[in-house]
Amino acid sequence: MSTVTDNEAARKFELEEDGHTAFATYRRADNIVTIPHVEAPMELRGKGSAGRLMEGIAALARANGFRIVPSCPYAVAWFRRHPEAADVLT
């Protein structure tokens, strides 16, 4: 299984699959992380990579004690479809 990593220098959460990287850009203010953009390259679209990225971001939030504000339409929709992840939202 692929692991989501926090590329702090680029302010991106990243998930590499099949040699391509799906990512979510973020802004951090203390323990609040706003996600304004989620993107999967064409090669990963329709394969669930963006969803696995979001699952990994939620897991990172739980493990590291930060809360999420999704502002990207994809991230907002993902959290709506996954109420079990609502514990990491502000």
PDB file of N, CA and C in Angstrom:
ATOM      1  N   MET A   1       0.846  -1.193   0.000  1.00  0.00           N
ATOM      2  CA  MET A   1       0.000   0.000   0.000  1.00  0.00           C
ATOM      3  C   MET A   1       0.886   1.251   0.000  1.00  0.00           C
ATOM      4  N   SER A   2       0.490   2.245  -0.740  1.00  0.00           N
ATOM      5  CA  SER A   2       1.243   3.493  -0.822  1.00  0.00           C
ATOM      6  C   SER A   2       1.012   4.330   0.424  1.00  0.00           C
ATOM      7  N   THR A   3       2.007   5.136   0.741  1.00  0.00           N
ATOM      8  CA  THR A   3       1.947   5.975   1.925  1.00  0.00           C
ATOM      9  C   THR A   3       1.899   7.438   1.519  1.00  0.00           C
ATOM     10  N   VAL A   4       1.053   8.186   2.207  1.00  0.00           N
ATOM     11  CA  VAL A   4       0.990   9.628   1.979  1.00  0.00           C
ATOM     12  C   VAL A   4       2.097  10.276   2.797  1.00  0.00           C
ATOM     13  N   THR A   5       2.850  11.148   2.150  1.00  0.00           N
ATOM     14  CA  THR A   5       3.928  11.856   2.829  1.00  0.00           C
ATOM     15  C   THR A   5       3.633  13.348   2.846  1.00  0.00           C
ATOM     16  N   ASP A   6       4.201  14.023   3.823  1.00  0.00           N
ATOM     17  CA  ASP A   6       4.064  15.471   3.956  1.00  0.00           C
ATOM     18  C   ASP A   6       5.339  16.111   3.438  1.00  0.00           C
ATOM     19  N   ASN A   7       5.269  16.704   2.263  1.00  0.00           N
ATOM     20  CA  ASN A   7       6.397  17.424   1.684  1.00  0.00           C
ATOM     21  C   ASN A   7       6.296  18.855   2.215  1.00  0.00           C
ATOM     22  N   GLU A   8       6.851  19.067   3.404  1.00  0.00           N
ATOM     23  CA  GLU A   8       6.700  20.359   4.078  1.00  0.00           C
ATOM     24  C   GLU A   8       7.304  21.504   3.272  1.00  0.00           C
ATOM     25  N   ALA A   9       8.434  21.273   2.619  1.00  0.00           N
ATOM     26  CA  ALA A   9       9.093  22.330   1.848  1.00  0.00           C
ATOM     27  C   ALA A   9       8.191  22.840   0.726  1.00  0.00           C
ATOM     28  N   ALA A  10       7.436  21.931   0.097  1.00  0.00           N
ATOM     29  CA  ALA A  10       6.541  22.317  -1.005  1.00  0.00           C
ATOM     30  C   ALA A  10       5.116  22.571  -0.524  1.00  0.00           C
ATOM     31  N   ARG A  11       4.854  22.339   0.764  1.00  0.00           N
ATOM     32  CA  ARG A  11       3.509  22.452   1.342  1.00  0.00           C
ATOM     33  C   ARG A  11       2.506  21.603   0.563  1.00  0.00           C
ATOM     34  N   LYS A  12       2.871  20.321   0.421  1.00  0.00           N
ATOM     35  CA  LYS A  12       2.009  19.372  -0.288  1.00  0.00           C
ATOM     36  C   LYS A  12       2.004  18.028   0.436  1.00  0.00           C
ATOM     37  N   PHE A  13       0.841  17.423   0.503  1.00  0.00           N
ATOM     38  CA  PHE A  13       0.749  16.019   0.864  1.00  0.00           C
ATOM     39  C   PHE A  13       0.844  15.266  -0.459  1.00  0.00           C
ATOM     40  N   GLU A  14       1.627  14.196  -0.491  1.00  0.00           N
ATOM     41  CA  GLU A  14       1.867  13.498  -1.742  1.00  0.00           C
ATOM     42  C   GLU A  14       1.645  11.999  -1.609  1.00  0.00           C
ATOM     43  N   LEU A  15       1.145  11.416  -2.677  1.00  0.00           N
ATOM     44  CA  LEU A  15       0.951   9.973  -2.769  1.00  0.00           C
ATOM     45  C   LEU A  15       1.486   9.527  -4.122  1.00  0.00           C
ATOM     46  N   GLU A  16       2.522   8.699  -4.095  1.00  0.00           N
ATOM     47  CA  GLU A  16       3.092   8.206  -5.342  1.00  0.00           C
ATOM     48  C   GLU A  16       2.550   6.818  -5.635  1.00  0.00           C
ATOM     49  N   GLU A  17       2.033   6.655  -6.836  1.00  0.00           N
ATOM     50  CA  GLU A  17       1.529   5.371  -7.310  1.00  0.00           C
ATOM     51  C   GLU A  17       1.892   5.218  -8.778  1.00  0.00           C
ATOM     52  N   ASP A  18       2.367   4.055  -9.145  1.00  0.00           N
ATOM     53  CA  ASP A  18       2.704   3.755 -10.546  1.00  0.00           C
ATOM     54  C   ASP A  18       3.629   4.808 -11.167  1.00  0.00           C
ATOM     55  N   GLY A  19       4.540   5.353 -10.371  1.00  0.00           N
ATOM     56  CA  GLY A  19       5.494   6.324 -10.887  1.00  0.00           C
ATOM     57  C   GLY A  19       4.953   7.731 -11.060  1.00  0.00           C
ATOM     58  N   HIS A  20       3.739   7.996 -10.582  1.00  0.00           N
ATOM     59  CA  HIS A  20       3.113   9.320 -10.684  1.00  0.00           C
ATOM     60  C   HIS A  20       2.702   9.780  -9.293  1.00  0.00           C
ATOM     61  N   THR A  21       2.578  11.079  -9.115  1.00  0.00           N
ATOM     62  CA  THR A  21       2.283  11.624  -7.794  1.00  0.00           C
ATOM     63  C   THR A  21       0.985  12.415  -7.787  1.00  0.00           C
ATOM     64  N   ALA A  22       0.056  11.976  -6.947  1.00  0.00           N
ATOM     65  CA  ALA A  22      -1.147  12.762  -6.642  1.00  0.00           C
ATOM     66  C   ALA A  22      -0.781  13.633  -5.444  1.00  0.00           C
ATOM     67  N   PHE A  23      -1.352  14.833  -5.397  1.00  0.00           N
ATOM     68  CA  PHE A  23      -0.974  15.718  -4.292  1.00  0.00           C
ATOM     69  C   PHE A  23      -2.121  16.616  -3.871  1.00  0.00           C
ATOM     70  N   ALA A  24      -1.988  17.122  -2.654  1.00  0.00           N
ATOM     71  CA  ALA A  24      -2.904  18.133  -2.123  1.00  0.00           C
ATOM     72  C   ALA A  24      -2.047  19.255  -1.568  1.00  0.00           C
ATOM     73  N   THR A  25      -2.245  20.463  -2.066  1.00  0.00           N
ATOM     74  CA  THR A  25      -1.523  21.604  -1.512  1.00  0.00           C
ATOM     75  C   THR A  25      -2.202  21.992  -0.201  1.00  0.00           C
ATOM     76  N   TYR A  26      -1.434  22.622   0.670  1.00  0.00           N
ATOM     77  CA  TYR A  26      -2.022  23.028   1.947  1.00  0.00           C
ATOM     78  C   TYR A  26      -1.384  24.301   2.475  1.00  0.00           C
ATOM     79  N   ARG A  27      -2.136  24.927   3.382  1.00  0.00           N
ATOM     80  CA  ARG A  27      -1.649  26.052   4.184  1.00  0.00           C
ATOM     81  C   ARG A  27      -1.818  25.639   5.642  1.00  0.00           C
ATOM     82  N   ARG A  28      -0.809  25.896   6.450  1.00  0.00           N
ATOM     83  CA  ARG A  28      -0.865  25.500   7.862  1.00  0.00           C
ATOM     84  C   ARG A  28      -0.804  26.745   8.738  1.00  0.00           C
ATOM     85  N   ALA A  29      -1.691  26.797   9.711  1.00  0.00           N
ATOM     86  CA  ALA A  29      -1.667  27.833  10.742  1.00  0.00           C
ATOM     87  C   ALA A  29      -1.838  27.111  12.076  1.00  0.00           C
ATOM     88  N   ASP A  30      -0.745  26.991  12.819  1.00  0.00           N
ATOM     89  CA  ASP A  30      -0.722  26.203  14.051  1.00  0.00           C
ATOM     90  C   ASP A  30      -1.155  24.769  13.742  1.00  0.00           C
ATOM     91  N   ASN A  31      -2.253  24.312  14.345  1.00  0.00           N
ATOM     92  CA  ASN A  31      -2.680  22.929  14.110  1.00  0.00           C
ATOM     93  C   ASN A  31      -3.855  22.842  13.129  1.00  0.00           C
ATOM     94  N   ILE A  32      -4.064  23.895  12.340  1.00  0.00           N
ATOM     95  CA  ILE A  32      -5.135  23.904  11.334  1.00  0.00           C
ATOM     96  C   ILE A  32      -4.493  23.860   9.948  1.00  0.00           C
ATOM     97  N   VAL A  33      -4.912  22.878   9.151  1.00  0.00           N
ATOM     98  CA  VAL A  33      -4.390  22.711   7.795  1.00  0.00           C
ATOM     99  C   VAL A  33      -5.543  22.904   6.814  1.00  0.00           C
ATOM    100  N   THR A  34      -5.422  23.908   5.949  1.00  0.00           N
ATOM    101  CA  THR A  34      -6.412  24.171   4.911  1.00  0.00           C
ATOM    102  C   THR A  34      -5.928  23.534   3.616  1.00  0.00           C
ATOM    103  N   ILE A  35      -6.823  22.801   2.955  1.00  0.00           N
ATOM    104  CA  ILE A  35      -6.486  22.130   1.695  1.00  0.00           C
ATOM    105  C   ILE A  35      -7.240  22.820   0.557  1.00  0.00           C
ATOM    106  N   PRO A  36      -6.541  23.708  -0.203  1.00  0.00           N
ATOM    107  CA  PRO A  36      -7.206  24.430  -1.284  1.00  0.00           C
ATOM    108  C   PRO A  36      -7.188  23.707  -2.638  1.00  0.00           C
ATOM    109  N   HIS A  37      -6.357  22.656  -2.768  1.00  0.00           N
ATOM    110  CA  HIS A  37      -6.254  22.029  -4.094  1.00  0.00           C
ATOM    111  C   HIS A  37      -5.816  20.575  -3.964  1.00  0.00           C
ATOM    112  N   VAL A  38      -6.534  19.690  -4.650  1.00  0.00           N
ATOM    113  CA  VAL A  38      -6.164  18.270  -4.740  1.00  0.00           C
ATOM    114  C   VAL A  38      -6.069  17.944  -6.225  1.00  0.00           C
ATOM    115  N   GLU A  39      -4.997  17.233  -6.593  1.00  0.00           N
ATOM    116  CA  GLU A  39      -4.814  16.925  -8.010  1.00  0.00           C
ATOM    117  C   GLU A  39      -4.176  15.550  -8.183  1.00  0.00           C
ATOM    118  N   ALA A  40      -4.692  14.811  -9.136  1.00  0.00           N
ATOM    119  CA  ALA A  40      -4.075  13.548  -9.555  1.00  0.00           C
ATOM    120  C   ALA A  40      -3.722  13.691 -11.027  1.00  0.00           C
ATOM    121  N   PRO A  41      -2.526  13.260 -11.429  1.00  0.00           N
ATOM    122  CA  PRO A  41      -2.176  13.332 -12.845  1.00  0.00           C
ATOM    123  C   PRO A  41      -3.102  12.447 -13.675  1.00  0.00           C
ATOM    124  N   MET A  42      -3.190  12.741 -14.937  1.00  0.00           N
ATOM    125  CA  MET A  42      -4.098  11.999 -15.832  1.00  0.00           C
ATOM    126  C   MET A  42      -3.908  10.490 -15.704  1.00  0.00           C
ATOM    127  N   GLU A  43      -2.674  10.047 -15.536  1.00  0.00           N
ATOM    128  CA  GLU A  43      -2.388   8.616 -15.466  1.00  0.00           C
ATOM    129  C   GLU A  43      -3.024   7.943 -14.253  1.00  0.00           C
ATOM    130  N   LEU A  44      -3.350   8.715 -13.215  1.00  0.00           N
ATOM    131  CA  LEU A  44      -3.930   8.143 -12.003  1.00  0.00           C
ATOM    132  C   LEU A  44      -5.428   8.394 -11.875  1.00  0.00           C
ATOM    133  N   ARG A  45      -5.981   9.230 -12.719  1.00  0.00           N
ATOM    134  CA  ARG A  45      -7.403   9.572 -12.594  1.00  0.00           C
ATOM    135  C   ARG A  45      -8.289   8.361 -12.856  1.00  0.00           C
ATOM    136  N   GLY A  46      -9.337   8.264 -12.065  1.00  0.00           N
ATOM    137  CA  GLY A  46     -10.282   7.166 -12.206  1.00  0.00           C
ATOM    138  C   GLY A  46      -9.815   5.875 -11.560  1.00  0.00           C
ATOM    139  N   LYS A  47      -8.693   5.917 -10.842  1.00  0.00           N
ATOM    140  CA  LYS A  47      -8.144   4.715 -10.216  1.00  0.00           C
ATOM    141  C   LYS A  47      -8.227   4.751  -8.692  1.00  0.00           C
ATOM    142  N   GLY A  48      -8.820   5.812  -8.147  1.00  0.00           N
ATOM    143  CA  GLY A  48      -8.962   5.914  -6.698  1.00  0.00           C
ATOM    144  C   GLY A  48      -7.782   6.544  -5.982  1.00  0.00           C
ATOM    145  N   SER A  49      -6.809   7.032  -6.727  1.00  0.00           N
ATOM    146  CA  SER A  49      -5.611   7.596  -6.097  1.00  0.00           C
ATOM    147  C   SER A  49      -5.926   8.820  -5.245  1.00  0.00           C
ATOM    148  N   ALA A  50      -6.763   9.711  -5.745  1.00  0.00           N
ATOM    149  CA  ALA A  50      -7.095  10.918  -4.978  1.00  0.00           C
ATOM    150  C   ALA A  50      -7.817  10.547  -3.686  1.00  0.00           C
ATOM    151  N   GLY A  51      -8.671   9.543  -3.741  1.00  0.00           N
ATOM    152  CA  GLY A  51      -9.350   9.075  -2.532  1.00  0.00           C
ATOM    153  C   GLY A  51      -8.374   8.489  -1.529  1.00  0.00           C
ATOM    154  N   ARG A  52      -7.399   7.703  -2.015  1.00  0.00           N
ATOM    155  CA  ARG A  52      -6.381   7.153  -1.117  1.00  0.00           C
ATOM    156  C   ARG A  52      -5.511   8.268  -0.544  1.00  0.00           C
ATOM    157  N   LEU A  53      -5.268   9.304  -1.341  1.00  0.00           N
ATOM    158  CA  LEU A  53      -4.541  10.472  -0.846  1.00  0.00           C
ATOM    159  C   LEU A  53      -5.301  11.101   0.314  1.00  0.00           C
ATOM    160  N   MET A  54      -6.593  11.307   0.140  1.00  0.00           N
ATOM    161  CA  MET A  54      -7.399  11.922   1.198  1.00  0.00           C
ATOM    162  C   MET A  54      -7.455  11.045   2.446  1.00  0.00           C
ATOM    163  N   GLU A  55      -7.573   9.734   2.268  1.00  0.00           N
ATOM    164  CA  GLU A  55      -7.546   8.815   3.419  1.00  0.00           C
ATOM    165  C   GLU A  55      -6.238   8.970   4.178  1.00  0.00           C
ATOM    166  N   GLY A  56      -5.140   9.044   3.440  1.00  0.00           N
ATOM    167  CA  GLY A  56      -3.834   9.197   4.063  1.00  0.00           C
ATOM    168  C   GLY A  56      -3.674  10.519   4.786  1.00  0.00           C
ATOM    169  N   ILE A  57      -4.233  11.575   4.220  1.00  0.00           N
ATOM    170  CA  ILE A  57      -4.180  12.884   4.874  1.00  0.00           C
ATOM    171  C   ILE A  57      -4.957  12.846   6.184  1.00  0.00           C
ATOM    172  N   ALA A  58      -6.128  12.224   6.177  1.00  0.00           N
ATOM    173  CA  ALA A  58      -6.914  12.092   7.408  1.00  0.00           C
ATOM    174  C   ALA A  58      -6.131  11.296   8.450  1.00  0.00           C
ATOM    175  N   ALA A  59      -5.449  10.227   8.022  1.00  0.00           N
ATOM    176  CA  ALA A  59      -4.639   9.427   8.950  1.00  0.00           C
ATOM    177  C   ALA A  59      -3.491  10.253   9.521  1.00  0.00           C
ATOM    178  N   LEU A  60      -2.843  11.063   8.677  1.00  0.00           N
ATOM    179  CA  LEU A  60      -1.775  11.940   9.163  1.00  0.00           C
ATOM    180  C   LEU A  60      -2.315  12.944  10.179  1.00  0.00           C
ATOM    181  N   ALA A  61      -3.499  13.476   9.917  1.00  0.00           N
ATOM    182  CA  ALA A  61      -4.107  14.432  10.855  1.00  0.00           C
ATOM    183  C   ALA A  61      -4.326  13.777  12.214  1.00  0.00           C
ATOM    184  N   ARG A  62      -4.849  12.556  12.200  1.00  0.00           N
ATOM    185  CA  ARG A  62      -5.068  11.850  13.478  1.00  0.00           C
ATOM    186  C   ARG A  62      -3.745  11.588  14.193  1.00  0.00           C
ATOM    187  N   ALA A  63      -2.761  11.117  13.455  1.00  0.00           N
ATOM    188  CA  ALA A  63      -1.476  10.751  14.052  1.00  0.00           C
ATOM    189  C   ALA A  63      -0.697  11.954  14.563  1.00  0.00           C
ATOM    190  N   ASN A  64      -0.868  13.104  13.900  1.00  0.00           N
ATOM    191  CA  ASN A  64      -0.066  14.279  14.237  1.00  0.00           C
ATOM    192  C   ASN A  64      -0.852  15.390  14.923  1.00  0.00           C
ATOM    193  N   GLY A  65      -2.129  15.157  15.181  1.00  0.00           N
ATOM    194  CA  GLY A  65      -2.922  16.097  15.962  1.00  0.00           C
ATOM    195  C   GLY A  65      -3.277  17.403  15.280  1.00  0.00           C
ATOM    196  N   PHE A  66      -3.405  17.386  13.960  1.00  0.00           N
ATOM    197  CA  PHE A  66      -3.876  18.611  13.308  1.00  0.00           C
ATOM    198  C   PHE A  66      -5.288  18.420  12.785  1.00  0.00           C
ATOM    199  N   ARG A  67      -5.945  19.540  12.534  1.00  0.00           N
ATOM    200  CA  ARG A  67      -7.328  19.539  12.039  1.00  0.00           C
ATOM    201  C   ARG A  67      -7.322  20.066  10.610  1.00  0.00           C
ATOM    202  N   ILE A  68      -8.335  19.667   9.847  1.00  0.00           N
ATOM    203  CA  ILE A  68      -8.389  19.991   8.423  1.00  0.00           C
ATOM    204  C   ILE A  68      -9.568  20.890   8.089  1.00  0.00           C
ATOM    205  N   VAL A  69      -9.300  21.873   7.235  1.00  0.00           N
ATOM    206  CA  VAL A  69     -10.339  22.698   6.621  1.00  0.00           C
ATOM    207  C   VAL A  69     -10.248  22.432   5.112  1.00  0.00           C
ATOM    208  N   PRO A  70     -11.163  21.633   4.561  1.00  0.00           N
ATOM    209  CA  PRO A  70     -11.118  21.406   3.111  1.00  0.00           C
ATOM    210  C   PRO A  70     -11.766  22.575   2.386  1.00  0.00           C
ATOM    211  N   SER A  71     -11.042  23.186   1.438  1.00  0.00           N
ATOM    212  CA  SER A  71     -11.660  24.239   0.632  1.00  0.00           C
ATOM    213  C   SER A  71     -11.708  23.848  -0.842  1.00  0.00           C
ATOM    214  N   CYS A  72     -10.927  22.883  -1.245  1.00  0.00           N
ATOM    215  CA  CYS A  72     -10.980  22.350  -2.603  1.00  0.00           C
ATOM    216  C   CYS A  72     -12.293  21.587  -2.780  1.00  0.00           C
ATOM    217  N   PRO A  73     -13.009  21.792  -3.877  1.00  0.00           N
ATOM    218  CA  PRO A  73     -14.275  21.073  -4.079  1.00  0.00           C
ATOM    219  C   PRO A  73     -14.134  19.553  -3.969  1.00  0.00           C
ATOM    220  N   TYR A  74     -13.019  18.995  -4.451  1.00  0.00           N
ATOM    221  CA  TYR A  74     -12.841  17.545  -4.335  1.00  0.00           C
ATOM    222  C   TYR A  74     -12.713  17.138  -2.872  1.00  0.00           C
ATOM    223  N   ALA A  75     -11.903  17.868  -2.104  1.00  0.00           N
ATOM    224  CA  ALA A  75     -11.713  17.544  -0.691  1.00  0.00           C
ATOM    225  C   ALA A  75     -13.024  17.672   0.077  1.00  0.00           C
ATOM    226  N   VAL A  76     -13.784  18.725  -0.201  1.00  0.00           N
ATOM    227  CA  VAL A  76     -15.092  18.907   0.450  1.00  0.00           C
ATOM    228  C   VAL A  76     -16.000  17.718   0.148  1.00  0.00           C
ATOM    229  N   ALA A  77     -16.070  17.331  -1.126  1.00  0.00           N
ATOM    230  CA  ALA A  77     -16.918  16.202  -1.532  1.00  0.00           C
ATOM    231  C   ALA A  77     -16.431  14.899  -0.894  1.00  0.00           C
ATOM    232  N   TRP A  78     -15.124  14.705  -0.818  1.00  0.00           N
ATOM    233  CA  TRP A  78     -14.588  13.479  -0.226  1.00  0.00           C
ATOM    234  C   TRP A  78     -15.011  13.369   1.227  1.00  0.00           C
ATOM    235  N   PHE A  79     -14.885  14.453   1.982  1.00  0.00           N
ATOM    236  CA  PHE A  79     -15.287  14.414   3.393  1.00  0.00           C
ATOM    237  C   PHE A  79     -16.798  14.195   3.533  1.00  0.00           C
ATOM    238  N   ARG A  80     -17.589  14.718   2.608  1.00  0.00           N
ATOM    239  CA  ARG A  80     -19.039  14.460   2.636  1.00  0.00           C
ATOM    240  C   ARG A  80     -19.334  12.979   2.437  1.00  0.00           C
ATOM    241  N   ARG A  81     -18.598  12.340   1.533  1.00  0.00           N
ATOM    242  CA  ARG A  81     -18.796  10.911   1.247  1.00  0.00           C
ATOM    243  C   ARG A  81     -18.211  10.009   2.328  1.00  0.00           C
ATOM    244  N   HIS A  82     -17.358  10.563   3.175  1.00  0.00           N
ATOM    245  CA  HIS A  82     -16.675   9.764   4.199  1.00  0.00           C
ATOM    246  C   HIS A  82     -16.873  10.382   5.585  1.00  0.00           C
ATOM    247  N   PRO A  83     -18.106  10.294   6.105  1.00  0.00           N
ATOM    248  CA  PRO A  83     -18.375  10.892   7.425  1.00  0.00           C
ATOM    249  C   PRO A  83     -17.526  10.296   8.540  1.00  0.00           C
ATOM    250  N   GLU A  84     -16.987   9.098   8.310  1.00  0.00           N
ATOM    251  CA  GLU A  84     -16.117   8.492   9.326  1.00  0.00           C
ATOM    252  C   GLU A  84     -14.823   9.275   9.508  1.00  0.00           C
ATOM    253  N   ALA A  85     -14.504  10.166   8.594  1.00  0.00           N
ATOM    254  CA  ALA A  85     -13.301  10.984   8.687  1.00  0.00           C
ATOM    255  C   ALA A  85     -13.575  12.363   9.272  1.00  0.00           C
ATOM    256  N   ALA A  86     -14.815  12.627   9.636  1.00  0.00           N
ATOM    257  CA  ALA A  86     -15.197  13.958  10.128  1.00  0.00           C
ATOM    258  C   ALA A  86     -14.481  14.347  11.424  1.00  0.00           C
ATOM    259  N   ASP A  87     -13.928  13.371  12.133  1.00  0.00           N
ATOM    260  CA  ASP A  87     -13.236  13.669  13.387  1.00  0.00           C
ATOM    261  C   ASP A  87     -12.017  14.547  13.179  1.00  0.00           C
ATOM    262  N   VAL A  88     -11.490  14.656  11.962  1.00  0.00           N
ATOM    263  CA  VAL A  88     -10.304  15.476  11.725  1.00  0.00           C
ATOM    264  C   VAL A  88     -10.648  16.866  11.196  1.00  0.00           C
ATOM    265  N   LEU A  89     -11.932  17.137  10.986  1.00  0.00           N
ATOM    266  CA  LEU A  89     -12.347  18.459  10.493  1.00  0.00           C
ATOM    267  C   LEU A  89     -12.456  19.442  11.648  1.00  0.00           C
ATOM    268  N   THR A  90     -12.291  20.745  11.329  1.00  0.00           N
ATOM    269  CA  THR A  90     -12.421  21.767  12.363  1.00  0.00           C
ATOM    270  C   THR A  90     -13.887  21.968  12.689  1.00  0.00           C
TER     271      THR A  90
END
